[in-house]
Amino acid sequence: QVQLVESGGGLVQPGGSLRLSCAASRSIVSFYAMGWYRQAPGKQRELVAAIGSGGTTNYADPVKGRFTISRDNAKNTVYLQMNSLTPEDTALYYCAATRTYDRRQFWGQGTQVTVSS
């Protein structure tokens, strides 16, 4: 088990930036992957970005070149740097940890990101 707490969301103008943080209650080194997902009103939750235990990353097409996921194992924290934000990025952003041996996912409560002028 692990508890995940997201922070860093808020209201930002189009073209702006935000950095989300996901603090874990214990070491994240052993997890298969850490990821950021988002869910907009009326839409399904979707993967935004993920980073494996070895540092391999993958991104959803809409955010490639704008978002960067990173991890600080010493701080048990995962980050999502979001640049060039658009209104389409407005959503509740969740952090998830995928356990290695059974791929079970653990979720945080989410942090709201609103992009609006």
N, C-alpha and C. Protein backbone atom coordinates (compact mmCIF):
# COMPACT_ATOMS: atom_id res chain seq x y z
N GLN A 1 0.84 -1.19 0.00
CA GLN A 1 0.00 0.00 0.00
C GLN A 1 0.88 1.24 0.00
N VAL A 2 0.31 2.30 -0.54
CA VAL A 2 0.99 3.59 -0.55
C VAL A 2 -0.08 4.66 -0.62
N GLN A 3 0.15 5.75 0.08
CA GLN A 3 -0.73 6.91 -0.02
C GLN A 3 -0.05 7.95 -0.90
N LEU A 4 -0.83 8.54 -1.78
CA LEU A 4 -0.33 9.53 -2.71
C LEU A 4 -1.07 10.84 -2.51
N VAL A 5 -0.33 11.93 -2.45
CA VAL A 5 -0.94 13.25 -2.26
C VAL A 5 -0.45 14.17 -3.36
N GLU A 6 -1.40 14.62 -4.18
CA GLU A 6 -1.07 15.55 -5.26
C GLU A 6 -1.18 17.00 -4.78
N SER A 7 -0.41 17.86 -5.40
CA SER A 7 -0.48 19.29 -5.13
C SER A 7 0.01 20.04 -6.34
N GLY A 8 -0.24 21.34 -6.35
CA GLY A 8 0.27 22.19 -7.42
C GLY A 8 -0.74 22.62 -8.45
N GLY A 9 -1.96 22.11 -8.35
CA GLY A 9 -2.98 22.53 -9.29
C GLY A 9 -3.44 23.95 -9.03
N GLY A 10 -4.27 24.45 -9.94
CA GLY A 10 -4.79 25.79 -9.76
C GLY A 10 -5.33 26.34 -11.05
N LEU A 11 -5.58 27.64 -11.04
CA LEU A 11 -6.10 28.35 -12.20
C LEU A 11 -4.94 29.05 -12.91
N VAL A 12 -4.84 28.83 -14.21
CA VAL A 12 -3.76 29.43 -14.98
C VAL A 12 -4.31 29.88 -16.32
N GLN A 13 -3.73 30.92 -16.86
CA GLN A 13 -4.16 31.42 -18.17
C GLN A 13 -3.60 30.56 -19.29
N PRO A 14 -4.27 30.55 -20.42
CA PRO A 14 -3.74 29.81 -21.58
C PRO A 14 -2.32 30.26 -21.89
N GLY A 15 -1.47 29.28 -22.18
CA GLY A 15 -0.07 29.57 -22.43
C GLY A 15 0.79 29.51 -21.19
N GLY A 16 0.17 29.42 -20.04
CA GLY A 16 0.90 29.39 -18.78
C GLY A 16 1.44 28.02 -18.44
N SER A 17 2.05 27.95 -17.25
CA SER A 17 2.68 26.71 -16.79
C SER A 17 2.27 26.40 -15.36
N LEU A 18 2.31 25.12 -15.05
CA LEU A 18 2.12 24.64 -13.69
C LEU A 18 3.02 23.44 -13.48
N ARG A 19 3.40 23.22 -12.24
CA ARG A 19 4.12 21.99 -11.89
C ARG A 19 3.34 21.27 -10.82
N LEU A 20 2.92 20.06 -11.14
CA LEU A 20 2.23 19.22 -10.18
C LEU A 20 3.24 18.34 -9.46
N SER A 21 2.94 18.07 -8.20
CA SER A 21 3.76 17.17 -7.39
C SER A 21 2.90 16.06 -6.83
N CYS A 22 3.50 14.91 -6.70
CA CYS A 22 2.82 13.75 -6.12
C CYS A 22 3.77 13.17 -5.06
N ALA A 23 3.40 13.34 -3.81
CA ALA A 23 4.23 12.85 -2.71
C ALA A 23 3.69 11.50 -2.23
N ALA A 24 4.57 10.52 -2.19
CA ALA A 24 4.19 9.18 -1.76
C ALA A 24 4.57 8.96 -0.30
N SER A 25 3.81 8.09 0.36
CA SER A 25 4.03 7.84 1.78
C SER A 25 5.20 6.90 2.04
N ARG A 26 5.69 6.28 0.99
CA ARG A 26 6.85 5.41 1.14
C ARG A 26 7.64 5.40 -0.16
N SER A 27 8.71 4.67 -0.18
CA SER A 27 9.58 4.65 -1.35
C SER A 27 8.83 4.25 -2.62
N ILE A 28 9.14 4.95 -3.68
CA ILE A 28 8.52 4.65 -4.98
C ILE A 28 9.44 3.84 -5.88
N VAL A 29 10.62 3.54 -5.40
CA VAL A 29 11.62 2.87 -6.23
C VAL A 29 11.13 1.52 -6.73
N SER A 30 10.39 0.81 -5.90
CA SER A 30 10.01 -0.56 -6.25
C SER A 30 8.78 -0.63 -7.14
N PHE A 31 8.11 0.47 -7.36
CA PHE A 31 6.91 0.42 -8.18
C PHE A 31 7.28 0.28 -9.65
N TYR A 32 6.46 -0.46 -10.37
CA TYR A 32 6.67 -0.68 -11.80
C TYR A 32 6.67 0.65 -12.54
N ALA A 33 5.75 1.52 -12.18
CA ALA A 33 5.67 2.82 -12.84
C ALA A 33 4.89 3.79 -11.96
N MET A 34 5.17 5.06 -12.18
CA MET A 34 4.39 6.14 -11.60
C MET A 34 3.79 6.93 -12.75
N GLY A 35 2.56 7.36 -12.58
CA GLY A 35 1.92 8.05 -13.69
C GLY A 35 1.01 9.18 -13.27
N TRP A 36 0.74 10.02 -14.25
CA TRP A 36 -0.25 11.08 -14.08
C TRP A 36 -1.39 10.80 -15.06
N TYR A 37 -2.60 10.90 -14.54
CA TYR A 37 -3.81 10.74 -15.33
C TYR A 37 -4.64 12.00 -15.15
N ARG A 38 -5.61 12.17 -16.05
CA ARG A 38 -6.53 13.29 -15.88
C ARG A 38 -7.92 12.89 -16.31
N GLN A 39 -8.88 13.58 -15.72
CA GLN A 39 -10.27 13.35 -16.08
C GLN A 39 -10.99 14.67 -16.17
N ALA A 40 -11.46 14.98 -17.36
CA ALA A 40 -12.23 16.19 -17.59
C ALA A 40 -13.71 15.87 -17.39
N PRO A 41 -14.53 16.88 -17.11
CA PRO A 41 -15.96 16.64 -16.91
C PRO A 41 -16.59 15.94 -18.11
N GLY A 42 -17.31 14.86 -17.85
CA GLY A 42 -17.99 14.14 -18.91
C GLY A 42 -17.10 13.23 -19.73
N LYS A 43 -15.83 13.12 -19.34
CA LYS A 43 -14.90 12.28 -20.10
C LYS A 43 -14.30 11.21 -19.21
N GLN A 44 -13.75 10.19 -19.86
CA GLN A 44 -13.10 9.13 -19.10
C GLN A 44 -11.71 9.56 -18.64
N ARG A 45 -11.25 8.93 -17.59
CA ARG A 45 -9.89 9.19 -17.12
C ARG A 45 -8.92 8.70 -18.18
N GLU A 46 -7.87 9.48 -18.42
CA GLU A 46 -6.90 9.11 -19.44
C GLU A 46 -5.48 9.31 -18.91
N LEU A 47 -4.60 8.48 -19.44
CA LEU A 47 -3.19 8.61 -19.09
C LEU A 47 -2.62 9.87 -19.71
N VAL A 48 -1.87 10.62 -18.92
CA VAL A 48 -1.18 11.81 -19.41
C VAL A 48 0.29 11.50 -19.65
N ALA A 49 0.92 10.94 -18.62
CA ALA A 49 2.35 10.62 -18.70
C ALA A 49 2.68 9.57 -17.66
N ALA A 50 3.71 8.79 -17.95
CA ALA A 50 4.16 7.77 -17.01
C ALA A 50 5.67 7.67 -17.05
N ILE A 51 6.22 7.23 -15.92
CA ILE A 51 7.67 7.04 -15.84
C ILE A 51 7.92 5.72 -15.14
N GLY A 52 8.74 4.88 -15.76
CA GLY A 52 9.05 3.58 -15.20
C GLY A 52 10.12 3.65 -14.14
N SER A 53 10.33 2.53 -13.48
CA SER A 53 11.34 2.48 -12.42
C SER A 53 12.74 2.77 -12.95
N GLY A 54 12.95 2.48 -14.23
CA GLY A 54 14.25 2.75 -14.82
C GLY A 54 14.37 4.13 -15.44
N GLY A 55 13.28 4.88 -15.38
CA GLY A 55 13.32 6.24 -15.90
C GLY A 55 12.70 6.40 -17.29
N THR A 56 12.28 5.31 -17.89
CA THR A 56 11.64 5.41 -19.20
C THR A 56 10.32 6.17 -19.08
N THR A 57 10.07 7.06 -20.02
CA THR A 57 8.85 7.86 -19.97
C THR A 57 7.99 7.63 -21.21
N ASN A 58 6.70 7.85 -21.05
CA ASN A 58 5.82 7.90 -22.21
C ASN A 58 4.73 8.92 -21.95
N TYR A 59 4.26 9.50 -23.04
CA TYR A 59 3.32 10.61 -22.96
C TYR A 59 2.15 10.39 -23.91
N ALA A 60 1.01 10.90 -23.50
CA ALA A 60 -0.13 10.94 -24.41
C ALA A 60 0.16 11.94 -25.52
N ASP A 61 -0.34 11.66 -26.70
CA ASP A 61 -0.03 12.52 -27.85
C ASP A 61 -0.37 13.99 -27.61
N PRO A 62 -1.51 14.31 -26.99
CA PRO A 62 -1.86 15.73 -26.83
C PRO A 62 -0.89 16.54 -25.97
N VAL A 63 -0.07 15.86 -25.17
CA VAL A 63 0.81 16.61 -24.26
C VAL A 63 2.28 16.49 -24.64
N LYS A 64 2.58 15.71 -25.65
CA LYS A 64 3.98 15.54 -26.04
C LYS A 64 4.59 16.88 -26.42
N GLY A 65 5.77 17.12 -25.91
CA GLY A 65 6.46 18.37 -26.19
C GLY A 65 6.08 19.51 -25.27
N ARG A 66 5.02 19.31 -24.48
CA ARG A 66 4.58 20.37 -23.56
C ARG A 66 4.72 19.95 -22.08
N PHE A 67 4.50 18.68 -21.81
CA PHE A 67 4.55 18.18 -20.44
C PHE A 67 5.80 17.33 -20.25
N THR A 68 6.33 17.36 -19.03
CA THR A 68 7.48 16.53 -18.68
C THR A 68 7.25 15.88 -17.33
N ILE A 69 7.36 14.56 -17.30
CA ILE A 69 7.25 13.83 -16.04
C ILE A 69 8.65 13.51 -15.52
N SER A 70 8.81 13.61 -14.22
CA SER A 70 10.09 13.29 -13.62
C SER A 70 9.86 12.71 -12.23
N ARG A 71 10.89 12.13 -11.66
CA ARG A 71 10.77 11.54 -10.34
C ARG A 71 12.01 11.83 -9.52
N ASP A 72 11.80 12.01 -8.23
CA ASP A 72 12.90 12.18 -7.28
C ASP A 72 12.74 11.07 -6.26
N ASN A 73 13.48 9.99 -6.46
CA ASN A 73 13.32 8.83 -5.58
C ASN A 73 13.70 9.14 -4.13
N ALA A 74 14.64 10.04 -3.95
CA ALA A 74 15.07 10.39 -2.59
C ALA A 74 13.94 11.08 -1.82
N LYS A 75 13.08 11.78 -2.55
CA LYS A 75 11.97 12.49 -1.92
C LYS A 75 10.64 11.75 -2.07
N ASN A 76 10.68 10.58 -2.69
CA ASN A 76 9.44 9.81 -2.93
C ASN A 76 8.39 10.65 -3.64
N THR A 77 8.82 11.41 -4.62
CA THR A 77 7.94 12.38 -5.27
C THR A 77 8.06 12.28 -6.78
N VAL A 78 6.93 12.44 -7.43
CA VAL A 78 6.86 12.49 -8.89
C VAL A 78 6.30 13.85 -9.27
N TYR A 79 6.82 14.38 -10.35
CA TYR A 79 6.42 15.71 -10.80
C TYR A 79 5.85 15.65 -12.22
N LEU A 80 5.02 16.63 -12.51
CA LEU A 80 4.55 16.83 -13.88
C LEU A 80 4.67 18.32 -14.19
N GLN A 81 5.65 18.65 -15.01
CA GLN A 81 5.80 20.02 -15.46
C GLN A 81 4.94 20.21 -16.69
N MET A 82 4.04 21.17 -16.62
CA MET A 82 3.10 21.42 -17.71
C MET A 82 3.31 22.83 -18.26
N ASN A 83 3.66 22.89 -19.52
CA ASN A 83 3.89 24.17 -20.18
C ASN A 83 2.90 24.36 -21.33
N SER A 84 2.79 25.59 -21.78
CA SER A 84 1.91 25.92 -22.92
C SER A 84 0.51 25.34 -22.73
N LEU A 85 -0.03 25.57 -21.57
CA LEU A 85 -1.33 25.00 -21.24
C LEU A 85 -2.44 25.62 -22.08
N THR A 86 -3.42 24.78 -22.40
CA THR A 86 -4.59 25.21 -23.16
C THR A 86 -5.84 24.86 -22.37
N PRO A 87 -6.97 25.45 -22.73
CA PRO A 87 -8.22 25.10 -22.03
C PRO A 87 -8.53 23.60 -22.09
N GLU A 88 -8.06 22.93 -23.12
CA GLU A 88 -8.30 21.49 -23.25
C GLU A 88 -7.55 20.68 -22.19
N ASP A 89 -6.60 21.30 -21.50
CA ASP A 89 -5.88 20.62 -20.42
C ASP A 89 -6.63 20.70 -19.09
N THR A 90 -7.72 21.42 -19.07
CA THR A 90 -8.51 21.55 -17.84
C THR A 90 -9.06 20.19 -17.43
N ALA A 91 -8.75 19.78 -16.20
CA ALA A 91 -9.17 18.46 -15.72
C ALA A 91 -8.74 18.29 -14.28
N LEU A 92 -9.23 17.22 -13.69
CA LEU A 92 -8.73 16.78 -12.39
C LEU A 92 -7.57 15.83 -12.67
N TYR A 93 -6.41 16.15 -12.14
CA TYR A 93 -5.21 15.37 -12.40
C TYR A 93 -4.92 14.45 -11.22
N TYR A 94 -4.72 13.18 -11.54
CA TYR A 94 -4.46 12.17 -10.53
C TYR A 94 -3.07 11.57 -10.69
N CYS A 95 -2.49 11.25 -9.57
CA CYS A 95 -1.24 10.51 -9.55
C CYS A 95 -1.56 9.04 -9.28
N ALA A 96 -0.82 8.15 -9.91
CA ALA A 96 -1.03 6.71 -9.69
C ALA A 96 0.29 5.99 -9.58
N ALA A 97 0.32 5.00 -8.72
CA ALA A 97 1.48 4.12 -8.58
C ALA A 97 1.07 2.72 -8.98
N THR A 98 1.82 2.11 -9.88
CA THR A 98 1.51 0.76 -10.34
C THR A 98 2.45 -0.23 -9.69
N ARG A 99 1.87 -1.15 -8.93
CA ARG A 99 2.69 -2.13 -8.21
C ARG A 99 3.26 -3.15 -9.18
N THR A 100 4.47 -3.56 -8.92
CA THR A 100 5.19 -4.39 -9.88
C THR A 100 4.58 -5.77 -10.07
N TYR A 101 4.32 -6.50 -8.96
CA TYR A 101 4.04 -7.92 -9.12
C TYR A 101 2.64 -8.22 -9.62
N ASP A 102 1.68 -7.28 -9.42
CA ASP A 102 0.33 -7.57 -9.88
C ASP A 102 -0.27 -6.43 -10.70
N ARG A 103 0.52 -5.38 -10.91
CA ARG A 103 0.10 -4.19 -11.67
C ARG A 103 -1.12 -3.50 -11.05
N ARG A 104 -1.36 -3.73 -9.77
CA ARG A 104 -2.42 -2.99 -9.10
C ARG A 104 -2.02 -1.52 -9.01
N GLN A 105 -3.01 -0.64 -9.20
CA GLN A 105 -2.74 0.78 -9.13
C GLN A 105 -3.30 1.40 -7.85
N PHE A 106 -2.55 2.32 -7.30
CA PHE A 106 -2.95 3.09 -6.14
C PHE A 106 -3.09 4.54 -6.60
N TRP A 107 -4.13 5.19 -6.10
CA TRP A 107 -4.47 6.53 -6.60
C TRP A 107 -4.45 7.57 -5.51
N GLY A 108 -4.11 8.79 -5.92
CA GLY A 108 -4.28 9.93 -5.06
C GLY A 108 -5.68 10.50 -5.21
N GLN A 109 -5.93 11.61 -4.51
CA GLN A 109 -7.25 12.22 -4.52
C GLN A 109 -7.44 13.17 -5.69
N GLY A 110 -6.35 13.59 -6.29
CA GLY A 110 -6.44 14.46 -7.45
C GLY A 110 -6.22 15.93 -7.10
N THR A 111 -5.78 16.67 -8.10
CA THR A 111 -5.63 18.12 -7.96
C THR A 111 -6.20 18.77 -9.22
N GLN A 112 -6.98 19.81 -9.02
CA GLN A 112 -7.69 20.43 -10.14
C GLN A 112 -6.78 21.40 -10.89
N VAL A 113 -6.79 21.28 -12.20
CA VAL A 113 -6.10 22.22 -13.08
C VAL A 113 -7.15 22.87 -13.97
N THR A 114 -7.22 24.18 -13.93
CA THR A 114 -8.16 24.92 -14.76
C THR A 114 -7.40 25.94 -15.59
N VAL A 115 -7.55 25.84 -16.89
CA VAL A 115 -6.88 26.76 -17.81
C VAL A 115 -7.94 27.66 -18.44
N SER A 116 -7.89 28.92 -18.08
CA SER A 116 -8.93 29.83 -18.53
C SER A 116 -8.42 31.25 -18.46
N SER A 117 -8.93 32.07 -19.39
CA SER A 117 -8.57 33.48 -19.35
C SER A 117 -9.62 34.28 -18.58
